[in-house]
Every structure is written in structure tokens, then in C-alpha cells.
Amino acid sequence: MELKSTQIGQRLAQHPYNRVRLLNAGIEVSGDKHQYLIPFNQLMSIQCKRGIVWGELEFELSEGEVVHLHGTEWQQTQRFYHYLLKEWQKWSLDMSDVSADVLTAQVNELTKIKPQKRWLKTADLASVQQQIQETFQALPLPLQRVVQFENCRENYKVCLNWLESGEKMIQALNQQWGDRMLV
């Protein structure tokens, strides 16, 4: 599916992009001299706005960048927007299931740390935190969107807690181990 700016809209908007096309897992925004591929895993939000005469689509990317398409016929813009939004949301739900599985596996690894019968070193924490970072990089969704999905939220927070408060957690586990050893 594709949406194009009207000829008058292209001239008046004076914008490098005048058409958008839906791909399998992303969109392509292009013009006469410019082309921009936006994979769904970099897309943070899609907005449909109505100007005085034409429609506008706004694509917010994970890096904070925003890509605009101006000068489109309003009815076509709405139709394209709703179709694109439905496809992106369907893709996002599928990827949230994948992300949930990856995060669950990581949390299962983290739960194995607590019953260990030994003193945990700072090198152990560094290893765990690196594992979590690698897990986050392997997720098919941007981290900013992971918390939007119920099936990912809790396990993501557990992993994030290990990144942000891992030192305190290791100290508490070592204190518990020390107390057991004294008994």
C-alpha cells in the first residue's frame, strides 16, 4: 500500500518526502531525491494530522527524530494511517511475545543467582549486567516501547532493577549468605 502527496501539495510543501509505502516490517518514505527506510523496530509512534487543506503523517523514531509526509489528500491519509497503524500494532504484538520470551529467559537466569551458596563478587555483577545489556539489545522492540506491553513489563523491570541497583542487590545477597554461614 502506498500514499502520495498531491501535485499541488508537493509543490507547496517543499518537502523532501512526497510518498510513503508500507513494507513487510517497516515503511519507506521517499521523494524525488531522498529515500528513508524506517523499520518497525525503530518506530515509536505514528501520528495523522490534518492541515488546512491536506493531511500529514508524522513518524517518530527511537532516536527522537521525526519524519514528516505533507500534502496528502485527507481521506487517503486517514485510510493509509489506519491500515498502517493496524499493521504496526499487529507486528508489535507479535514482537512483544518474542520479547516476553527473551525477558523471561533472562529473569530465570537471574533467579538462579539468589540461592547460590557462595560470596558474590563485583565481577559476578558485571557479568550479569552485561548479560542483561545483551538481552536488551536482542529485543526486537525498542526499550522505550517494551513497558507498553503487559507481557513484558514485569520482567523488564526486574532486569532494569539489576542494572540500576545491582550493587545493592549483591550486597543484600552477600549479607544473607554471611548470616547463613554464621549460623
N, C-alpha and C. Protein backbone atom coordinates (compact mmCIF):
# COMPACT_ATOMS: atom_id res chain seq x y z
N MET A 1 0.85 -1.18 0.00
CA MET A 1 0.00 0.00 0.00
C MET A 1 0.89 1.24 0.00
N GLU A 2 0.44 2.27 -0.73
CA GLU A 2 1.25 3.48 -0.87
C GLU A 2 0.35 4.71 -0.77
N LEU A 3 0.93 5.79 -0.23
CA LEU A 3 0.25 7.08 -0.15
C LEU A 3 1.17 8.12 -0.75
N LYS A 4 0.61 8.96 -1.64
CA LYS A 4 1.40 10.00 -2.29
C LYS A 4 0.81 11.37 -2.02
N SER A 5 1.68 12.35 -1.98
CA SER A 5 1.23 13.74 -1.90
C SER A 5 0.58 14.13 -3.23
N THR A 6 -0.36 15.05 -3.17
CA THR A 6 -0.93 15.57 -4.41
C THR A 6 0.14 16.44 -5.09
N GLN A 7 -0.02 16.69 -6.37
CA GLN A 7 0.97 17.51 -7.08
C GLN A 7 1.06 18.92 -6.50
N ILE A 8 -0.09 19.50 -6.19
CA ILE A 8 -0.08 20.83 -5.59
C ILE A 8 0.52 20.76 -4.19
N GLY A 9 0.17 19.71 -3.45
CA GLY A 9 0.73 19.53 -2.11
C GLY A 9 2.24 19.40 -2.13
N GLN A 10 2.78 18.69 -3.12
CA GLN A 10 4.24 18.54 -3.25
C GLN A 10 4.90 19.90 -3.47
N ARG A 11 4.30 20.68 -4.36
CA ARG A 11 4.89 21.99 -4.68
C ARG A 11 4.83 22.95 -3.50
N LEU A 12 3.70 23.00 -2.85
CA LEU A 12 3.53 23.95 -1.75
C LEU A 12 4.28 23.52 -0.49
N ALA A 13 4.34 22.22 -0.23
CA ALA A 13 5.00 21.74 0.98
C ALA A 13 6.51 21.91 0.90
N GLN A 14 7.06 21.83 -0.30
CA GLN A 14 8.52 21.96 -0.49
C GLN A 14 9.26 21.05 0.50
N HIS A 15 8.85 19.79 0.54
CA HIS A 15 9.40 18.84 1.49
C HIS A 15 10.09 17.72 0.74
N PRO A 16 11.17 17.15 1.28
CA PRO A 16 11.90 16.13 0.52
C PRO A 16 11.13 14.82 0.31
N TYR A 17 10.12 14.57 1.13
CA TYR A 17 9.36 13.31 1.02
C TYR A 17 7.96 13.60 0.50
N ASN A 18 7.55 12.81 -0.50
CA ASN A 18 6.21 13.01 -1.05
C ASN A 18 5.41 11.71 -1.18
N ARG A 19 5.96 10.60 -0.69
CA ARG A 19 5.20 9.34 -0.71
C ARG A 19 5.72 8.41 0.39
N VAL A 20 4.82 7.56 0.83
CA VAL A 20 5.16 6.56 1.84
C VAL A 20 4.58 5.23 1.36
N ARG A 21 5.35 4.18 1.59
CA ARG A 21 4.94 2.85 1.15
C ARG A 21 5.11 1.88 2.30
N LEU A 22 4.12 1.04 2.52
CA LEU A 22 4.18 0.03 3.57
C LEU A 22 4.98 -1.16 3.07
N LEU A 23 5.96 -1.58 3.87
CA LEU A 23 6.77 -2.76 3.57
C LEU A 23 6.36 -3.88 4.52
N ASN A 24 7.03 -5.02 4.45
CA ASN A 24 6.68 -6.15 5.32
C ASN A 24 6.83 -5.82 6.80
N ALA A 25 7.93 -5.21 7.19
CA ALA A 25 8.18 -4.90 8.60
C ALA A 25 8.70 -3.48 8.74
N GLY A 26 8.11 -2.57 8.00
CA GLY A 26 8.53 -1.18 8.07
C GLY A 26 7.85 -0.35 7.00
N ILE A 27 8.37 0.86 6.84
CA ILE A 27 7.84 1.76 5.83
C ILE A 27 8.99 2.42 5.09
N GLU A 28 8.70 2.87 3.89
CA GLU A 28 9.67 3.60 3.09
C GLU A 28 9.04 4.95 2.79
N VAL A 29 9.72 6.00 3.24
CA VAL A 29 9.29 7.37 2.95
C VAL A 29 10.28 7.88 1.91
N SER A 30 9.75 8.40 0.79
CA SER A 30 10.67 8.80 -0.28
C SER A 30 10.17 10.02 -1.02
N GLY A 31 11.07 10.57 -1.80
CA GLY A 31 10.78 11.71 -2.66
C GLY A 31 11.60 11.56 -3.91
N ASP A 32 11.68 12.63 -4.69
CA ASP A 32 12.43 12.57 -5.95
C ASP A 32 13.92 12.31 -5.72
N LYS A 33 14.48 12.90 -4.67
CA LYS A 33 15.93 12.78 -4.42
C LYS A 33 16.25 12.09 -3.10
N HIS A 34 15.26 11.78 -2.29
CA HIS A 34 15.50 11.24 -0.96
C HIS A 34 14.69 9.97 -0.72
N GLN A 35 15.26 9.08 0.08
CA GLN A 35 14.57 7.85 0.46
C GLN A 35 14.96 7.53 1.89
N TYR A 36 13.99 7.12 2.70
CA TYR A 36 14.25 6.82 4.10
C TYR A 36 13.48 5.54 4.45
N LEU A 37 14.21 4.50 4.83
CA LEU A 37 13.60 3.25 5.27
C LEU A 37 13.47 3.29 6.78
N ILE A 38 12.28 3.03 7.28
CA ILE A 38 12.03 3.03 8.71
C ILE A 38 11.52 1.64 9.10
N PRO A 39 12.38 0.82 9.70
CA PRO A 39 11.91 -0.49 10.18
C PRO A 39 10.94 -0.28 11.36
N PHE A 40 9.99 -1.18 11.51
CA PHE A 40 9.03 -1.06 12.61
C PHE A 40 9.73 -1.04 13.97
N ASN A 41 10.88 -1.70 14.08
CA ASN A 41 11.55 -1.75 15.40
C ASN A 41 12.22 -0.43 15.77
N GLN A 42 12.20 0.56 14.89
CA GLN A 42 12.72 1.89 15.21
C GLN A 42 11.61 2.92 15.35
N LEU A 43 10.39 2.50 15.10
CA LEU A 43 9.25 3.40 15.10
C LEU A 43 8.66 3.49 16.51
N MET A 44 8.53 4.71 17.01
CA MET A 44 7.98 4.92 18.34
C MET A 44 6.49 5.28 18.29
N SER A 45 6.11 6.09 17.33
CA SER A 45 4.70 6.45 17.19
C SER A 45 4.43 6.93 15.77
N ILE A 46 3.14 6.88 15.43
CA ILE A 46 2.67 7.36 14.13
C ILE A 46 1.52 8.31 14.41
N GLN A 47 1.59 9.50 13.84
CA GLN A 47 0.54 10.49 14.04
C GLN A 47 -0.05 10.87 12.68
N CYS A 48 -1.35 11.07 12.69
CA CYS A 48 -2.05 11.55 11.50
C CYS A 48 -2.65 12.90 11.86
N LYS A 49 -2.27 13.93 11.10
CA LYS A 49 -2.72 15.28 11.40
C LYS A 49 -3.38 15.88 10.17
N ARG A 50 -4.34 16.73 10.45
CA ARG A 50 -5.00 17.41 9.35
C ARG A 50 -4.54 18.86 9.32
N GLY A 51 -4.06 19.28 8.17
CA GLY A 51 -3.70 20.68 7.99
C GLY A 51 -4.91 21.45 7.49
N ILE A 52 -4.67 22.64 6.98
CA ILE A 52 -5.75 23.47 6.47
C ILE A 52 -6.40 22.82 5.25
N VAL A 53 -5.56 22.25 4.39
CA VAL A 53 -6.07 21.65 3.16
C VAL A 53 -5.76 20.16 3.09
N TRP A 54 -4.54 19.77 3.45
CA TRP A 54 -4.08 18.40 3.26
C TRP A 54 -3.86 17.69 4.58
N GLY A 55 -3.54 16.42 4.42
CA GLY A 55 -3.20 15.61 5.57
C GLY A 55 -1.69 15.55 5.75
N GLU A 56 -1.29 15.10 6.93
CA GLU A 56 0.14 14.95 7.23
C GLU A 56 0.32 13.70 8.08
N LEU A 57 1.35 12.92 7.77
CA LEU A 57 1.74 11.79 8.61
C LEU A 57 3.06 12.14 9.27
N GLU A 58 3.17 11.76 10.52
CA GLU A 58 4.38 12.04 11.29
C GLU A 58 4.86 10.73 11.91
N PHE A 59 6.10 10.39 11.65
CA PHE A 59 6.69 9.15 12.15
C PHE A 59 7.79 9.51 13.15
N GLU A 60 7.59 9.15 14.41
CA GLU A 60 8.60 9.41 15.44
C GLU A 60 9.47 8.18 15.58
N LEU A 61 10.79 8.38 15.51
CA LEU A 61 11.74 7.29 15.59
C LEU A 61 12.33 7.19 16.98
N SER A 62 12.97 6.05 17.26
CA SER A 62 13.50 5.80 18.61
C SER A 62 14.60 6.77 19.01
N GLU A 63 15.30 7.37 18.08
CA GLU A 63 16.37 8.32 18.41
C GLU A 63 15.81 9.72 18.64
N GLY A 64 14.50 9.89 18.63
CA GLY A 64 13.89 11.20 18.82
C GLY A 64 13.68 11.96 17.51
N GLU A 65 14.14 11.41 16.42
CA GLU A 65 13.97 12.04 15.11
C GLU A 65 12.52 11.89 14.65
N VAL A 66 12.05 12.84 13.89
CA VAL A 66 10.68 12.80 13.37
C VAL A 66 10.74 12.99 11.85
N VAL A 67 10.04 12.12 11.13
CA VAL A 67 9.96 12.19 9.67
C VAL A 67 8.52 12.54 9.31
N HIS A 68 8.35 13.55 8.43
CA HIS A 68 7.03 14.04 8.06
C HIS A 68 6.74 13.75 6.59
N LEU A 69 5.48 13.53 6.30
CA LEU A 69 4.99 13.46 4.93
C LEU A 69 3.82 14.45 4.85
N HIS A 70 3.95 15.48 4.02
CA HIS A 70 2.96 16.55 3.91
C HIS A 70 2.26 16.49 2.56
N GLY A 71 1.14 17.21 2.47
CA GLY A 71 0.49 17.45 1.18
C GLY A 71 -0.30 16.29 0.64
N THR A 72 -0.79 15.40 1.49
CA THR A 72 -1.56 14.26 1.03
C THR A 72 -3.05 14.54 1.14
N GLU A 73 -3.82 13.92 0.27
CA GLU A 73 -5.27 14.08 0.30
C GLU A 73 -5.78 13.50 1.62
N TRP A 74 -6.63 14.23 2.34
CA TRP A 74 -7.01 13.90 3.71
C TRP A 74 -7.66 12.52 3.86
N GLN A 75 -8.62 12.19 3.00
CA GLN A 75 -9.30 10.89 3.11
C GLN A 75 -8.33 9.73 2.90
N GLN A 76 -7.45 9.87 1.90
CA GLN A 76 -6.46 8.83 1.64
C GLN A 76 -5.48 8.72 2.80
N THR A 77 -5.12 9.86 3.38
CA THR A 77 -4.20 9.88 4.51
C THR A 77 -4.80 9.11 5.68
N GLN A 78 -6.06 9.36 5.96
CA GLN A 78 -6.72 8.65 7.06
C GLN A 78 -6.77 7.15 6.80
N ARG A 79 -7.15 6.77 5.58
CA ARG A 79 -7.21 5.34 5.24
C ARG A 79 -5.86 4.69 5.40
N PHE A 80 -4.82 5.31 4.86
CA PHE A 80 -3.47 4.76 4.95
C PHE A 80 -3.02 4.68 6.41
N TYR A 81 -3.28 5.73 7.16
CA TYR A 81 -2.90 5.78 8.57
C TYR A 81 -3.51 4.63 9.36
N HIS A 82 -4.81 4.41 9.18
CA HIS A 82 -5.49 3.34 9.93
C HIS A 82 -4.96 1.97 9.53
N TYR A 83 -4.72 1.77 8.25
CA TYR A 83 -4.17 0.50 7.80
C TYR A 83 -2.76 0.30 8.33
N LEU A 84 -1.93 1.32 8.23
CA LEU A 84 -0.55 1.26 8.72
C LEU A 84 -0.52 1.03 10.23
N LEU A 85 -1.35 1.75 10.96
CA LEU A 85 -1.39 1.62 12.41
C LEU A 85 -1.78 0.20 12.81
N LYS A 86 -2.76 -0.37 12.12
CA LYS A 86 -3.18 -1.75 12.41
C LYS A 86 -2.04 -2.73 12.16
N GLU A 87 -1.35 -2.58 11.04
CA GLU A 87 -0.23 -3.48 10.71
C GLU A 87 0.92 -3.33 11.72
N TRP A 88 1.23 -2.10 12.10
CA TRP A 88 2.31 -1.84 13.05
C TRP A 88 1.96 -2.41 14.43
N GLN A 89 0.72 -2.26 14.84
CA GLN A 89 0.29 -2.79 16.13
C GLN A 89 0.30 -4.32 16.13
N LYS A 90 -0.11 -4.91 15.02
CA LYS A 90 -0.07 -6.38 14.90
C LYS A 90 1.38 -6.86 14.99
N TRP A 91 2.27 -6.21 14.26
CA TRP A 91 3.70 -6.56 14.31
C TRP A 91 4.22 -6.38 15.74
N SER A 92 3.85 -5.30 16.39
CA SER A 92 4.31 -5.01 17.75
C SER A 92 3.85 -6.08 18.73
N LEU A 93 2.61 -6.53 18.60
CA LEU A 93 2.12 -7.59 19.49
C LEU A 93 2.90 -8.89 19.28
N ASP A 94 3.16 -9.22 18.02
CA ASP A 94 3.96 -10.41 17.73
C ASP A 94 5.36 -10.28 18.35
N MET A 95 5.94 -9.11 18.20
CA MET A 95 7.29 -8.90 18.74
C MET A 95 7.29 -8.81 20.26
N SER A 96 6.18 -8.41 20.86
CA SER A 96 6.11 -8.39 22.32
C SER A 96 6.12 -9.82 22.86
N ASP A 97 5.54 -10.75 22.12
CA ASP A 97 5.60 -12.16 22.53
C ASP A 97 7.04 -12.68 22.49
N VAL A 98 7.74 -12.32 21.43
CA VAL A 98 9.16 -12.72 21.31
C VAL A 98 9.96 -12.07 22.45
N SER A 99 9.74 -10.79 22.68
CA SER A 99 10.44 -10.07 23.73
C SER A 99 10.14 -10.66 25.10
N ALA A 100 8.88 -11.02 25.33
CA ALA A 100 8.49 -11.62 26.61
C ALA A 100 9.25 -12.92 26.85
N ASP A 101 9.38 -13.74 25.81
CA ASP A 101 10.13 -15.00 25.94
C ASP A 101 11.59 -14.73 26.29
N VAL A 102 12.20 -13.77 25.61
CA VAL A 102 13.61 -13.44 25.86
C VAL A 102 13.80 -12.90 27.27
N LEU A 103 12.90 -12.01 27.70
CA LEU A 103 13.00 -11.44 29.04
C LEU A 103 12.74 -12.49 30.12
N THR A 104 11.80 -13.39 29.88
CA THR A 104 11.53 -14.47 30.83
C THR A 104 12.76 -15.35 31.01
N ALA A 105 13.43 -15.68 29.92
CA ALA A 105 14.65 -16.49 30.00
C ALA A 105 15.71 -15.76 30.81
N GLN A 106 15.83 -14.46 30.62
CA GLN A 106 16.83 -13.68 31.37
C GLN A 106 16.47 -13.65 32.85
N VAL A 107 15.22 -13.44 33.18
CA VAL A 107 14.80 -13.41 34.59
C VAL A 107 15.02 -14.78 35.24
N ASN A 108 14.77 -15.85 34.49
CA ASN A 108 15.04 -17.19 35.02
C ASN A 108 16.51 -17.35 35.38
N GLU A 109 17.39 -16.79 34.57
CA GLU A 109 18.83 -16.82 34.89
C GLU A 109 19.12 -16.00 36.14
N LEU A 110 18.45 -14.87 36.28
CA LEU A 110 18.67 -14.01 37.44
C LEU A 110 18.20 -14.69 38.73
N THR A 111 17.13 -15.46 38.66
CA THR A 111 16.64 -16.13 39.87
C THR A 111 17.58 -17.22 40.34
N LYS A 112 18.44 -17.71 39.46
CA LYS A 112 19.43 -18.72 39.86
C LYS A 112 20.54 -18.13 40.72
N ILE A 113 20.67 -16.80 40.70
CA ILE A 113 21.73 -16.14 41.47
C ILE A 113 21.43 -16.18 42.96
N LYS A 114 20.18 -15.98 43.33
CA LYS A 114 19.80 -15.86 44.74
C LYS A 114 20.14 -17.09 45.58
N PRO A 115 19.86 -18.32 45.14
CA PRO A 115 20.16 -19.47 46.01
C PRO A 115 21.62 -19.94 45.99
N GLN A 116 22.51 -19.22 45.30
CA GLN A 116 23.90 -19.65 45.25
C GLN A 116 24.50 -19.65 46.64
N LYS A 117 25.31 -20.64 46.90
CA LYS A 117 25.91 -20.81 48.23
C LYS A 117 27.36 -20.36 48.19
N ARG A 118 27.54 -19.10 47.85
CA ARG A 118 28.88 -18.53 47.81
C ARG A 118 28.78 -17.01 47.85
N TRP A 119 29.91 -16.39 48.12
CA TRP A 119 30.02 -14.94 48.12
C TRP A 119 30.03 -14.45 46.69
N LEU A 120 29.23 -13.44 46.39
CA LEU A 120 29.16 -12.90 45.03
C LEU A 120 30.10 -11.71 44.91
N LYS A 121 30.93 -11.73 43.86
CA LYS A 121 31.91 -10.67 43.65
C LYS A 121 31.37 -9.61 42.70
N THR A 122 32.05 -8.48 42.65
CA THR A 122 31.65 -7.42 41.72
C THR A 122 31.80 -7.90 40.27
N ALA A 123 32.71 -8.82 40.03
CA ALA A 123 32.86 -9.38 38.67
C ALA A 123 31.61 -10.18 38.29
N ASP A 124 30.99 -10.84 39.28
CA ASP A 124 29.74 -11.57 39.02
C ASP A 124 28.64 -10.59 38.60
N LEU A 125 28.58 -9.46 39.30
CA LEU A 125 27.59 -8.44 38.96
C LEU A 125 27.84 -7.88 37.56
N ALA A 126 29.09 -7.60 37.25
CA ALA A 126 29.42 -7.07 35.92
C ALA A 126 29.01 -8.05 34.83
N SER A 127 29.21 -9.33 35.07
CA SER A 127 28.83 -10.36 34.10
C SER A 127 27.31 -10.39 33.92
N VAL A 128 26.59 -10.33 35.03
CA VAL A 128 25.12 -10.33 34.98
C VAL A 128 24.62 -9.11 34.23
N GLN A 129 25.18 -7.96 34.55
CA GLN A 129 24.73 -6.73 33.89
C GLN A 129 25.04 -6.74 32.40
N GLN A 130 26.16 -7.32 32.02
CA GLN A 130 26.47 -7.42 30.60
C GLN A 130 25.47 -8.35 29.90
N GLN A 131 25.12 -9.44 30.58
CA GLN A 131 24.11 -10.36 30.03
C GLN A 131 22.79 -9.64 29.80
N ILE A 132 22.41 -8.82 30.76
CA ILE A 132 21.15 -8.07 30.63
C ILE A 132 21.22 -7.08 29.48
N GLN A 133 22.34 -6.38 29.36
CA GLN A 133 22.51 -5.45 28.24
C GLN A 133 22.40 -6.17 26.90
N GLU A 134 23.02 -7.34 26.81
CA GLU A 134 22.95 -8.12 25.57
C GLU A 134 21.51 -8.57 25.29
N THR A 135 20.80 -8.94 26.36
CA THR A 135 19.40 -9.32 26.21
C THR A 135 18.58 -8.15 25.69
N PHE A 136 18.80 -6.97 26.27
CA PHE A 136 18.08 -5.78 25.81
C PHE A 136 18.37 -5.48 24.34
N GLN A 137 19.61 -5.64 23.93
CA GLN A 137 19.97 -5.39 22.54
C GLN A 137 19.34 -6.41 21.60
N ALA A 138 19.06 -7.60 22.10
CA ALA A 138 18.48 -8.66 21.27
C ALA A 138 16.97 -8.52 21.10
N LEU A 139 16.35 -7.64 21.88
CA LEU A 139 14.89 -7.48 21.78
C LEU A 139 14.51 -6.85 20.45
N PRO A 140 13.44 -7.35 19.84
CA PRO A 140 13.02 -6.78 18.55
C PRO A 140 12.25 -5.47 18.68
N LEU A 141 11.92 -5.07 19.90
CA LEU A 141 11.22 -3.81 20.15
C LEU A 141 12.18 -2.81 20.77
N PRO A 142 11.99 -1.52 20.51
CA PRO A 142 12.79 -0.51 21.22
C PRO A 142 12.48 -0.59 22.72
N LEU A 143 13.49 -0.39 23.55
CA LEU A 143 13.30 -0.48 25.00
C LEU A 143 12.22 0.48 25.50
N GLN A 144 12.10 1.64 24.87
CA GLN A 144 11.10 2.61 25.29
C GLN A 144 9.68 2.06 25.12
N ARG A 145 9.51 1.10 24.23
CA ARG A 145 8.17 0.55 23.98
C ARG A 145 7.90 -0.74 24.75
N VAL A 146 8.93 -1.38 25.26
CA VAL A 146 8.75 -2.67 25.93
C VAL A 146 7.77 -2.56 27.09
N VAL A 147 7.86 -1.49 27.85
CA VAL A 147 6.98 -1.33 29.02
C VAL A 147 5.52 -1.11 28.63
N GLN A 148 5.24 -0.85 27.37
CA GLN A 148 3.86 -0.67 26.92
C GLN A 148 3.11 -2.00 26.85
N PHE A 149 3.84 -3.11 26.89
CA PHE A 149 3.22 -4.42 26.72
C PHE A 149 3.19 -5.16 28.06
N GLU A 150 1.99 -5.56 28.45
CA GLU A 150 1.77 -6.23 29.73
C GLU A 150 2.64 -7.48 29.87
N ASN A 151 2.80 -8.24 28.79
CA ASN A 151 3.55 -9.49 28.86
C ASN A 151 5.06 -9.29 29.02
N CYS A 152 5.54 -8.07 28.89
CA CYS A 152 6.97 -7.77 29.01
C CYS A 152 7.30 -6.94 30.25
N ARG A 153 6.34 -6.19 30.73
CA ARG A 153 6.59 -5.13 31.72
C ARG A 153 7.32 -5.60 32.97
N GLU A 154 6.81 -6.62 33.64
CA GLU A 154 7.40 -7.03 34.93
C GLU A 154 8.82 -7.57 34.78
N ASN A 155 9.02 -8.44 33.80
CA ASN A 155 10.36 -9.00 33.61
C ASN A 155 11.36 -7.93 33.17
N TYR A 156 10.90 -6.96 32.39
CA TYR A 156 11.77 -5.84 32.01
C TYR A 156 12.19 -5.05 33.25
N LYS A 157 11.24 -4.80 34.14
CA LYS A 157 11.54 -4.06 35.36
C LYS A 157 12.53 -4.81 36.24
N VAL A 158 12.40 -6.13 36.31
CA VAL A 158 13.35 -6.94 37.09
C VAL A 158 14.75 -6.77 36.51
N CYS A 159 14.87 -6.89 35.21
CA CYS A 159 16.18 -6.74 34.55
C CYS A 159 16.73 -5.33 34.76
N LEU A 160 15.88 -4.35 34.59
CA LEU A 160 16.30 -2.95 34.77
C LEU A 160 16.76 -2.70 36.20
N ASN A 161 16.09 -3.31 37.15
CA ASN A 161 16.47 -3.18 38.56
C ASN A 161 17.88 -3.72 38.79
N TRP A 162 18.21 -4.84 38.14
CA TRP A 162 19.57 -5.39 38.26
C TRP A 162 20.60 -4.44 37.65
N LEU A 163 20.23 -3.73 36.62
CA LEU A 163 21.16 -2.77 36.03
C LEU A 163 21.34 -1.54 36.92
N GLU A 164 20.24 -1.05 37.46
CA GLU A 164 20.29 0.19 38.23
C GLU A 164 20.68 -0.01 39.69
N SER A 165 20.29 -1.13 40.30
CA SER A 165 20.52 -1.35 41.73
C SER A 165 21.23 -2.66 42.00
N GLY A 166 21.96 -3.14 41.03
CA GLY A 166 22.63 -4.44 41.16
C GLY A 166 23.59 -4.52 42.33
N GLU A 167 24.30 -3.42 42.59
CA GLU A 167 25.26 -3.42 43.70
C GLU A 167 24.56 -3.66 45.03
N LYS A 168 23.46 -2.98 45.26
CA LYS A 168 22.69 -3.16 46.49
C LYS A 168 22.14 -4.58 46.58
N MET A 169 21.71 -5.12 45.47
CA MET A 169 21.15 -6.48 45.46
C MET A 169 22.24 -7.50 45.80
N ILE A 170 23.42 -7.32 45.23
CA ILE A 170 24.53 -8.22 45.52
C ILE A 170 24.93 -8.11 46.99
N GLN A 171 24.97 -6.89 47.53
CA GLN A 171 25.30 -6.69 48.95
C GLN A 171 24.29 -7.40 49.84
N ALA A 172 23.01 -7.30 49.51
CA ALA A 172 21.97 -7.96 50.31
C ALA A 172 22.11 -9.47 50.24
N LEU A 173 22.38 -10.00 49.04
CA LEU A 173 22.56 -11.46 48.90
C LEU A 173 23.80 -11.92 49.67
N ASN A 174 24.87 -11.13 49.61
CA ASN A 174 26.08 -11.49 50.35
C ASN A 174 25.84 -11.42 51.86
N GLN A 175 25.05 -10.45 52.30
CA GLN A 175 24.71 -10.35 53.72
C GLN A 175 23.93 -11.59 54.16
N GLN A 176 22.97 -12.01 53.35
CA GLN A 176 22.19 -13.21 53.66
C GLN A 176 23.10 -14.44 53.71
N TRP A 177 24.02 -14.55 52.77
CA TRP A 177 24.95 -15.68 52.76
C TRP A 177 25.82 -15.66 54.00
N GLY A 178 26.32 -14.48 54.35
CA GLY A 178 27.16 -14.34 55.55
C GLY A 178 26.39 -14.73 56.81
N ASP A 179 25.15 -14.31 56.90
CA ASP A 179 24.31 -14.66 58.06
C ASP A 179 24.10 -16.16 58.15
N ARG A 180 23.88 -16.82 57.00
CA ARG A 180 23.72 -18.29 57.00
C ARG A 180 25.01 -18.96 57.43
N MET A 181 26.14 -18.44 56.99
CA MET A 181 27.42 -19.04 57.35
C MET A 181 27.68 -18.91 58.87
N LEU A 182 27.27 -17.79 59.47
CA LEU A 182 27.45 -17.60 60.90
C LEU A 182 26.58 -18.56 61.71
N VAL A 183 25.41 -18.85 61.20
CA VAL A 183 24.52 -19.79 61.90
C VAL A 183 25.13 -21.18 61.81
